[in-house]
């Protein structure tokens, strides 16, 4: 091969190498651009998702806050109503309000059980009157719970013991146990205690003789 031919071959080889290098650069740039664009889109999607999550959290928090405000308002309305009743009856008692379990709670702190009545009959009546006062002012039904002189808490302890005894009897005999008639608050306490013990229960009968039946598993 002559010197001219060798020179021509080398020139063509250099041109091919240059073209390959140029193609490689273009490819690398294109890949880099695609990767950058994809990364940007991922970031945008992440930002959008984060924004949605923040918006959802804010909405949930807002709903919860409005619900808490509504319950607090229920407690204040009931407290004002009950305070007027205490003044009319010339009876002493401090009133405390709080929210728990999705309900407004009002407690009259007193040493007297005159407003509790036999088996809590007066207490139940006052609770219904307080709920009516809330509904009249707010326009919404209330599930407010009223306690006087700690009666409900004392009763709760007794009922939980009663539920445990019933669970033990059902477990030992395999037969259902029917309890004495109770008001809705008392039945709820028993149902919860039975469920926590791993058994099932249901209510039967009509008010005021509605009662809890504790049943064996299966």
C-alpha atoms as a PDB file:
ATOM      1  CA  UNK A   1       0.000   0.000   0.000  1.00  0.00           C
ATOM      2  CA  UNK A   2       1.382   3.390  -1.029  1.00  0.00           C
ATOM      3  CA  UNK A   3       1.853   6.272   1.370  1.00  0.00           C
ATOM      4  CA  UNK A   4      -1.096   8.095  -0.198  1.00  0.00           C
ATOM      5  CA  UNK A   5      -3.377   5.090   0.340  1.00  0.00           C
ATOM      6  CA  UNK A   6      -2.233   4.726   3.973  1.00  0.00           C
ATOM      7  CA  UNK A   7      -2.884   8.394   4.547  1.00  0.00           C
ATOM      8  CA  UNK A   8      -6.377   8.077   3.018  1.00  0.00           C
ATOM      9  CA  UNK A   9      -7.192   5.075   5.240  1.00  0.00           C
ATOM     10  CA  UNK A  10      -5.997   6.857   8.348  1.00  0.00           C
ATOM     11  CA  UNK A  11      -8.044   9.936   7.433  1.00  0.00           C
ATOM     12  CA  UNK A  12     -11.189   7.851   6.954  1.00  0.00           C
ATOM     13  CA  UNK A  13     -10.573   6.024  10.254  1.00  0.00           C
ATOM     14  CA  UNK A  14     -10.206   9.338  12.061  1.00  0.00           C
ATOM     15  CA  UNK A  15     -13.452  10.529  10.484  1.00  0.00           C
ATOM     16  CA  UNK A  16     -15.256   7.373  11.598  1.00  0.00           C
ATOM     17  CA  UNK A  17     -13.899   7.781  15.141  1.00  0.00           C
ATOM     18  CA  UNK A  18     -15.038  11.393  15.168  1.00  0.00           C
ATOM     19  CA  UNK A  19     -18.517  10.435  13.966  1.00  0.00           C
ATOM     20  CA  UNK A  20     -18.741   7.703  16.618  1.00  0.00           C
ATOM     21  CA  UNK A  21     -17.630  10.152  19.291  1.00  0.00           C
ATOM     22  CA  UNK A  22     -20.213  12.655  18.092  1.00  0.00           C
ATOM     23  CA  UNK A  23     -22.934   9.995  18.111  1.00  0.00           C
ATOM     24  CA  UNK A  24     -21.887   8.936  21.608  1.00  0.00           C
ATOM     25  CA  UNK A  25     -22.025  12.531  22.807  1.00  0.00           C
ATOM     26  CA  UNK A  26     -25.452  13.050  21.273  1.00  0.00           C
ATOM     27  CA  UNK A  27     -26.685   9.767  22.786  1.00  0.00           C
ATOM     28  CA  UNK A  28     -25.277  10.601  26.191  1.00  0.00           C
ATOM     29  CA  UNK A  29     -26.835  14.047  26.056  1.00  0.00           C
ATOM     30  CA  UNK A  30     -30.174  12.596  24.996  1.00  0.00           C
ATOM     31  CA  UNK A  31     -30.087  10.007  27.775  1.00  0.00           C
ATOM     32  CA  UNK A  32     -29.111  12.655  30.278  1.00  0.00           C
ATOM     33  CA  UNK A  33     -31.935  14.880  29.076  1.00  0.00           C
ATOM     34  CA  UNK A  34     -34.460  12.036  29.305  1.00  0.00           C
ATOM     35  CA  UNK A  35     -33.228  11.092  32.770  1.00  0.00           C
ATOM     36  CA  UNK A  36     -33.390  14.705  33.894  1.00  0.00           C
ATOM     37  CA  UNK A  37     -36.908  15.060  32.515  1.00  0.00           C
ATOM     38  CA  UNK A  38     -38.001  11.807  34.170  1.00  0.00           C
ATOM     39  CA  UNK A  39     -36.472  12.908  37.460  1.00  0.00           C
ATOM     40  CA  UNK A  40     -38.247  16.232  37.148  1.00  0.00           C
ATOM     41  CA  UNK A  41     -41.566  14.494  36.490  1.00  0.00           C
ATOM     42  CA  UNK A  42     -41.007  12.206  39.477  1.00  0.00           C
ATOM     43  CA  UNK A  43     -40.266  15.231  41.653  1.00  0.00           C
ATOM     44  CA  UNK A  44     -43.390  16.972  40.378  1.00  0.00           C
ATOM     45  CA  UNK A  45     -45.489  13.857  41.076  1.00  0.00           C
ATOM     46  CA  UNK A  46     -43.976  13.572  44.553  1.00  0.00           C
ATOM     47  CA  UNK A  47     -44.650  17.243  45.226  1.00  0.00           C
ATOM     48  CA  UNK A  48     -48.225  16.862  43.973  1.00  0.00           C
ATOM     49  CA  UNK A  49     -48.757  13.753  46.117  1.00  0.00           C
ATOM     50  CA  UNK A  50     -47.274  15.488  49.136  1.00  0.00           C
ATOM     51  CA  UNK A  51     -49.516  18.471  48.481  1.00  0.00           C
ATOM     52  CA  UNK A  52     -52.561  16.175  48.206  1.00  0.00           C
ATOM     53  CA  UNK A  53     -51.604  14.420  51.436  1.00  0.00           C
ATOM     54  CA  UNK A  54     -51.145  17.731  53.195  1.00  0.00           C
ATOM     55  CA  UNK A  55     -54.490  18.899  51.856  1.00  0.00           C
ATOM     56  CA  UNK A  56     -56.194  15.684  52.994  1.00  0.00           C
ATOM     57  CA  UNK A  57     -54.566  15.916  56.421  1.00  0.00           C
ATOM     58  CA  UNK A  58     -55.605  19.542  56.690  1.00  0.00           C
ATOM     59  CA  UNK A  59     -59.173  18.646  55.687  1.00  0.00           C
ATOM     60  CA  UNK A  60     -59.312  15.776  58.203  1.00  0.00           C
ATOM     61  CA  UNK A  61     -57.872  18.017  60.892  1.00  0.00           C
ATOM     62  CA  UNK A  62     -60.377  20.710  60.014  1.00  0.00           C
ATOM     63  CA  UNK A  63     -63.282  18.254  60.252  1.00  0.00           C
ATOM     64  CA  UNK A  64     -62.003  16.971  63.588  1.00  0.00           C
ATOM     65  CA  UNK A  65     -61.583  20.507  64.859  1.00  0.00           C
ATOM     66  CA  UNK A  66     -65.129  21.462  63.828  1.00  0.00           C
ATOM     67  CA  UNK A  67     -66.490  18.313  65.504  1.00  0.00           C
ATOM     68  CA  UNK A  68     -64.620  19.108  68.721  1.00  0.00           C
ATOM     69  CA  UNK A  69     -65.942  22.663  68.631  1.00  0.00           C
ATOM     70  CA  UNK A  70     -69.499  21.361  68.172  1.00  0.00           C
ATOM     71  CA  UNK A  71     -69.121  18.978  71.125  1.00  0.00           C
ATOM     72  CA  UNK A  72     -67.634  21.723  73.283  1.00  0.00           C
ATOM     73  CA  UNK A  73     -70.582  23.927  72.375  1.00  0.00           C
ATOM     74  CA  UNK A  74     -72.997  21.129  73.372  1.00  0.00           C
ATOM     75  CA  UNK A  75     -71.306  20.849  76.754  1.00  0.00           C
ATOM     76  CA  UNK A  76     -71.472  24.597  77.341  1.00  0.00           C
ATOM     77  CA  UNK A  77     -75.165  24.792  76.426  1.00  0.00           C
ATOM     78  CA  UNK A  78     -75.997  21.873  78.731  1.00  0.00           C
ATOM     79  CA  UNK A  79     -73.843  23.319  81.532  1.00  0.00           C
ATOM     80  CA  UNK A  80     -75.650  26.676  81.348  1.00  0.00           C
ATOM     81  CA  UNK A  81     -79.035  24.930  81.400  1.00  0.00           C
ATOM     82  CA  UNK A  82     -78.122  22.723  84.369  1.00  0.00           C
ATOM     83  CA  UNK A  83     -76.634  25.648  86.259  1.00  0.00           C
ATOM     84  CA  UNK A  84     -79.980  27.452  85.989  1.00  0.00           C
ATOM     85  CA  UNK A  85     -81.736  24.358  87.325  1.00  0.00           C
ATOM     86  CA  UNK A  86     -79.364  24.227  90.299  1.00  0.00           C
ATOM     87  CA  UNK A  87     -80.061  27.893  91.045  1.00  0.00           C
ATOM     88  CA  UNK A  88     -83.834  27.348  90.849  1.00  0.00           C
ATOM     89  CA  UNK A  89     -83.571  24.308  93.160  1.00  0.00           C
ATOM     90  CA  UNK A  90     -81.197  26.254  95.441  1.00  0.00           C
ATOM     91  CA  UNK A  91     -78.673  23.403  95.275  1.00  0.00           C
ATOM     92  CA  UNK A  92     -74.890  23.549  95.304  1.00  0.00           C
ATOM     93  CA  UNK A  93     -72.696  21.845  92.714  1.00  0.00           C
ATOM     94  CA  UNK A  94     -69.796  22.569  90.431  1.00  0.00           C
ATOM     95  CA  UNK A  95     -70.177  21.741  86.746  1.00  0.00           C
ATOM     96  CA  UNK A  96     -67.386  20.250  84.648  1.00  0.00           C
ATOM     97  CA  UNK A  97     -67.435  19.601  80.879  1.00  0.00           C
ATOM     98  CA  UNK A  98     -65.165  17.599  78.580  1.00  0.00           C
ATOM     99  CA  UNK A  99     -65.261  15.651  75.323  1.00  0.00           C
ATOM    100  CA  UNK A 100     -64.553  11.918  75.153  1.00  0.00           C
ATOM    101  CA  UNK A 101     -65.432   9.084  72.802  1.00  0.00           C
ATOM    102  CA  UNK A 102     -67.128  11.394  70.316  1.00  0.00           C
ATOM    103  CA  UNK A 103     -69.518  12.758  72.946  1.00  0.00           C
ATOM    104  CA  UNK A 104     -69.835  15.828  75.109  1.00  0.00           C
ATOM    105  CA  UNK A 105     -69.733  14.971  78.818  1.00  0.00           C
ATOM    106  CA  UNK A 106     -71.109  17.082  81.649  1.00  0.00           C
ATOM    107  CA  UNK A 107     -70.557  16.278  85.307  1.00  0.00           C
ATOM    108  CA  UNK A 108     -72.225  17.889  88.295  1.00  0.00           C
ATOM    109  CA  UNK A 109     -69.796  17.606  91.194  1.00  0.00           C
ATOM    110  CA  UNK A 110     -71.770  17.390  94.423  1.00  0.00           C
ATOM    111  CA  UNK A 111     -71.976  15.295  97.572  1.00  0.00           C
ATOM    112  CA  UNK A 112     -75.764  15.045  97.325  1.00  0.00           C
ATOM    113  CA  UNK A 113     -77.452  12.296  95.340  1.00  0.00           C
ATOM    114  CA  UNK A 114     -80.863  13.975  95.319  1.00  0.00           C
ATOM    115  CA  UNK A 115     -80.458  14.693  91.590  1.00  0.00           C
ATOM    116  CA  UNK A 116     -79.481  11.068  90.941  1.00  0.00           C
ATOM    117  CA  UNK A 117     -82.682   9.523  92.264  1.00  0.00           C
ATOM    118  CA  UNK A 118     -83.520   5.867  92.747  1.00  0.00           C
ATOM    119  CA  UNK A 119     -81.567   3.729  90.289  1.00  0.00           C
ATOM    120  CA  UNK A 120     -80.492   6.930  88.520  1.00  0.00           C
ATOM    121  CA  UNK A 121     -84.024   7.803  87.373  1.00  0.00           C
ATOM    122  CA  UNK A 122     -83.670  11.532  88.080  1.00  0.00           C
ATOM    123  CA  UNK A 123     -80.224  11.557  86.477  1.00  0.00           C
ATOM    124  CA  UNK A 124     -81.597   9.985  83.294  1.00  0.00           C
ATOM    125  CA  UNK A 125     -84.436  12.513  83.187  1.00  0.00           C
ATOM    126  CA  UNK A 126     -82.045  15.444  83.638  1.00  0.00           C
ATOM    127  CA  UNK A 127     -79.810  14.052  80.893  1.00  0.00           C
ATOM    128  CA  UNK A 128     -82.752  13.984  78.477  1.00  0.00           C
ATOM    129  CA  UNK A 129     -83.664  17.555  79.437  1.00  0.00           C
ATOM    130  CA  UNK A 130     -80.063  18.666  78.865  1.00  0.00           C
ATOM    131  CA  UNK A 131     -80.036  16.966  75.459  1.00  0.00           C
ATOM    132  CA  UNK A 132     -83.318  18.686  74.610  1.00  0.00           C
ATOM    133  CA  UNK A 133     -81.853  22.057  75.613  1.00  0.00           C
ATOM    134  CA  UNK A 134     -78.883  21.425  73.308  1.00  0.00           C
ATOM    135  CA  UNK A 135     -81.121  20.422  70.405  1.00  0.00           C
ATOM    136  CA  UNK A 136     -83.378  23.444  70.928  1.00  0.00           C
ATOM    137  CA  UNK A 137     -80.444  25.869  70.757  1.00  0.00           C
ATOM    138  CA  UNK A 138     -78.218  24.122  68.188  1.00  0.00           C
ATOM    139  CA  UNK A 139     -80.826  22.441  66.008  1.00  0.00           C
ATOM    140  CA  UNK A 140     -78.972  19.106  66.245  1.00  0.00           C
ATOM    141  CA  UNK A 141     -79.638  15.960  68.259  1.00  0.00           C
ATOM    142  CA  UNK A 142     -77.154  15.392  71.055  1.00  0.00           C
ATOM    143  CA  UNK A 143     -75.645  12.214  72.523  1.00  0.00           C
ATOM    144  CA  UNK A 144     -74.406  14.148  75.546  1.00  0.00           C
ATOM    145  CA  UNK A 145     -73.675  12.158  78.702  1.00  0.00           C
ATOM    146  CA  UNK A 146     -74.505  13.564  82.123  1.00  0.00           C
ATOM    147  CA  UNK A 147     -73.083  12.336  85.410  1.00  0.00           C
ATOM    148  CA  UNK A 148     -74.025  13.552  88.879  1.00  0.00           C
ATOM    149  CA  UNK A 149     -72.101  12.897  92.097  1.00  0.00           C
ATOM    150  CA  UNK A 150     -69.983  10.309  90.234  1.00  0.00           C
ATOM    151  CA  UNK A 151     -72.983   7.979  89.965  1.00  0.00           C
ATOM    152  CA  UNK A 152     -72.175   6.708  86.470  1.00  0.00           C
ATOM    153  CA  UNK A 153     -68.540   5.961  87.296  1.00  0.00           C
ATOM    154  CA  UNK A 154     -69.552   4.048  90.419  1.00  0.00           C
ATOM    155  CA  UNK A 155     -72.212   2.199  88.436  1.00  0.00           C
ATOM    156  CA  UNK A 156     -69.699   1.458  85.664  1.00  0.00           C
ATOM    157  CA  UNK A 157     -67.458  -0.396  88.143  1.00  0.00           C
ATOM    158  CA  UNK A 158     -70.398  -2.438  89.450  1.00  0.00           C
ATOM    159  CA  UNK A 159     -71.554  -3.308  85.927  1.00  0.00           C
ATOM    160  CA  UNK A 160     -68.085  -4.368  84.805  1.00  0.00           C
ATOM    161  CA  UNK A 161     -67.922  -6.752  87.776  1.00  0.00           C
ATOM    162  CA  UNK A 162     -71.393  -8.035  86.873  1.00  0.00           C
ATOM    163  CA  UNK A 163     -70.312  -8.606  83.262  1.00  0.00           C
ATOM    164  CA  UNK A 164     -67.223 -10.520  84.384  1.00  0.00           C
ATOM    165  CA  UNK A 165     -69.371 -12.790  86.566  1.00  0.00           C
ATOM    166  CA  UNK A 166     -71.734 -13.428  83.655  1.00  0.00           C
ATOM    167  CA  UNK A 167     -68.833 -14.221  81.327  1.00  0.00           C
ATOM    168  CA  UNK A 168     -67.441 -16.691  83.861  1.00  0.00           C
ATOM    169  CA  UNK A 169     -70.823 -18.409  84.188  1.00  0.00           C
ATOM    170  CA  UNK A 170     -71.328 -18.636  80.421  1.00  0.00           C
ATOM    171  CA  UNK A 171     -67.813 -20.008  79.953  1.00  0.00           C
ATOM    172  CA  UNK A 172     -68.361 -22.645  82.669  1.00  0.00           C
ATOM    173  CA  UNK A 173     -71.846 -23.778  81.631  1.00  0.00           C
ATOM    174  CA  UNK A 174     -71.891 -23.029  77.905  1.00  0.00           C
ATOM    175  CA  UNK A 175     -75.358 -21.526  78.337  1.00  0.00           C
ATOM    176  CA  UNK A 176     -76.564 -17.957  77.809  1.00  0.00           C
ATOM    177  CA  UNK A 177     -77.070 -15.696  80.831  1.00  0.00           C
ATOM    178  CA  UNK A 178     -79.797 -13.032  80.938  1.00  0.00           C
ATOM    179  CA  UNK A 179     -79.118 -10.017  83.117  1.00  0.00           C
ATOM    180  CA  UNK A 180     -81.572  -7.682  84.851  1.00  0.00           C
ATOM    181  CA  UNK A 181     -83.151  -4.819  82.861  1.00  0.00           C
ATOM    182  CA  UNK A 182     -80.830  -1.859  82.349  1.00  0.00           C
ATOM    183  CA  UNK A 183     -80.884   1.582  80.791  1.00  0.00           C
ATOM    184  CA  UNK A 184     -78.923   2.250  77.548  1.00  0.00           C
ATOM    185  CA  UNK A 185     -75.814   3.521  79.379  1.00  0.00           C
ATOM    186  CA  UNK A 186     -75.657   0.418  81.566  1.00  0.00           C
ATOM    187  CA  UNK A 187     -76.189  -1.962  78.652  1.00  0.00           C
ATOM    188  CA  UNK A 188     -73.378  -0.259  76.722  1.00  0.00           C
ATOM    189  CA  UNK A 189     -70.977  -0.793  79.642  1.00  0.00           C
ATOM    190  CA  UNK A 190     -71.890  -4.496  79.828  1.00  0.00           C
ATOM    191  CA  UNK A 191     -71.651  -5.019  76.052  1.00  0.00           C
ATOM    192  CA  UNK A 192     -68.159  -3.488  76.040  1.00  0.00           C
ATOM    193  CA  UNK A 193     -66.981  -5.607  78.983  1.00  0.00           C
ATOM    194  CA  UNK A 194     -68.312  -8.819  77.404  1.00  0.00           C
ATOM    195  CA  UNK A 195     -66.669  -8.014  74.060  1.00  0.00           C
ATOM    196  CA  UNK A 196     -63.343  -7.352  75.803  1.00  0.00           C
ATOM    197  CA  UNK A 197     -63.648 -10.801  77.414  1.00  0.00           C
ATOM    198  CA  UNK A 198     -64.023 -12.415  73.978  1.00  0.00           C
ATOM    199  CA  UNK A 199     -67.713 -13.352  74.194  1.00  0.00           C
ATOM    200  CA  UNK A 200     -70.783 -11.900  72.480  1.00  0.00           C
ATOM    201  CA  UNK A 201     -73.887 -10.245  73.845  1.00  0.00           C
ATOM    202  CA  UNK A 202     -77.125  -8.748  72.593  1.00  0.00           C
ATOM    203  CA  UNK A 203     -80.021  -6.756  73.968  1.00  0.00           C
ATOM    204  CA  UNK A 204     -83.562  -8.098  74.068  1.00  0.00           C
ATOM    205  CA  UNK A 205     -86.942  -6.834  75.180  1.00  0.00           C
ATOM    206  CA  UNK A 206     -88.541  -3.395  75.177  1.00  0.00           C
ATOM    207  CA  UNK A 207     -87.842  -0.383  77.374  1.00  0.00           C
ATOM    208  CA  UNK A 208     -87.894  -0.152  80.329  1.00  0.00           C
ATOM    209  CA  UNK A 209     -87.385  -3.914  80.583  1.00  0.00           C
ATOM    210  CA  UNK A 210     -84.687  -4.204  77.944  1.00  0.00           C
ATOM    211  CA  UNK A 211     -81.805  -6.393  79.111  1.00  0.00           C
ATOM    212  CA  UNK A 212     -78.444  -7.827  78.050  1.00  0.00           C
ATOM    213  CA  UNK A 213     -78.018 -11.494  77.167  1.00  0.00           C
ATOM    214  CA  UNK A 214     -74.458 -12.863  77.355  1.00  0.00           C
ATOM    215  CA  UNK A 215     -73.936 -15.806  74.993  1.00  0.00           C
ATOM    216  CA  UNK A 216     -71.212 -18.435  74.492  1.00  0.00           C
ATOM    217  CA  UNK A 217     -68.879 -18.329  71.493  1.00  0.00           C
ATOM    218  CA  UNK A 218     -70.237 -19.818  68.277  1.00  0.00           C
END
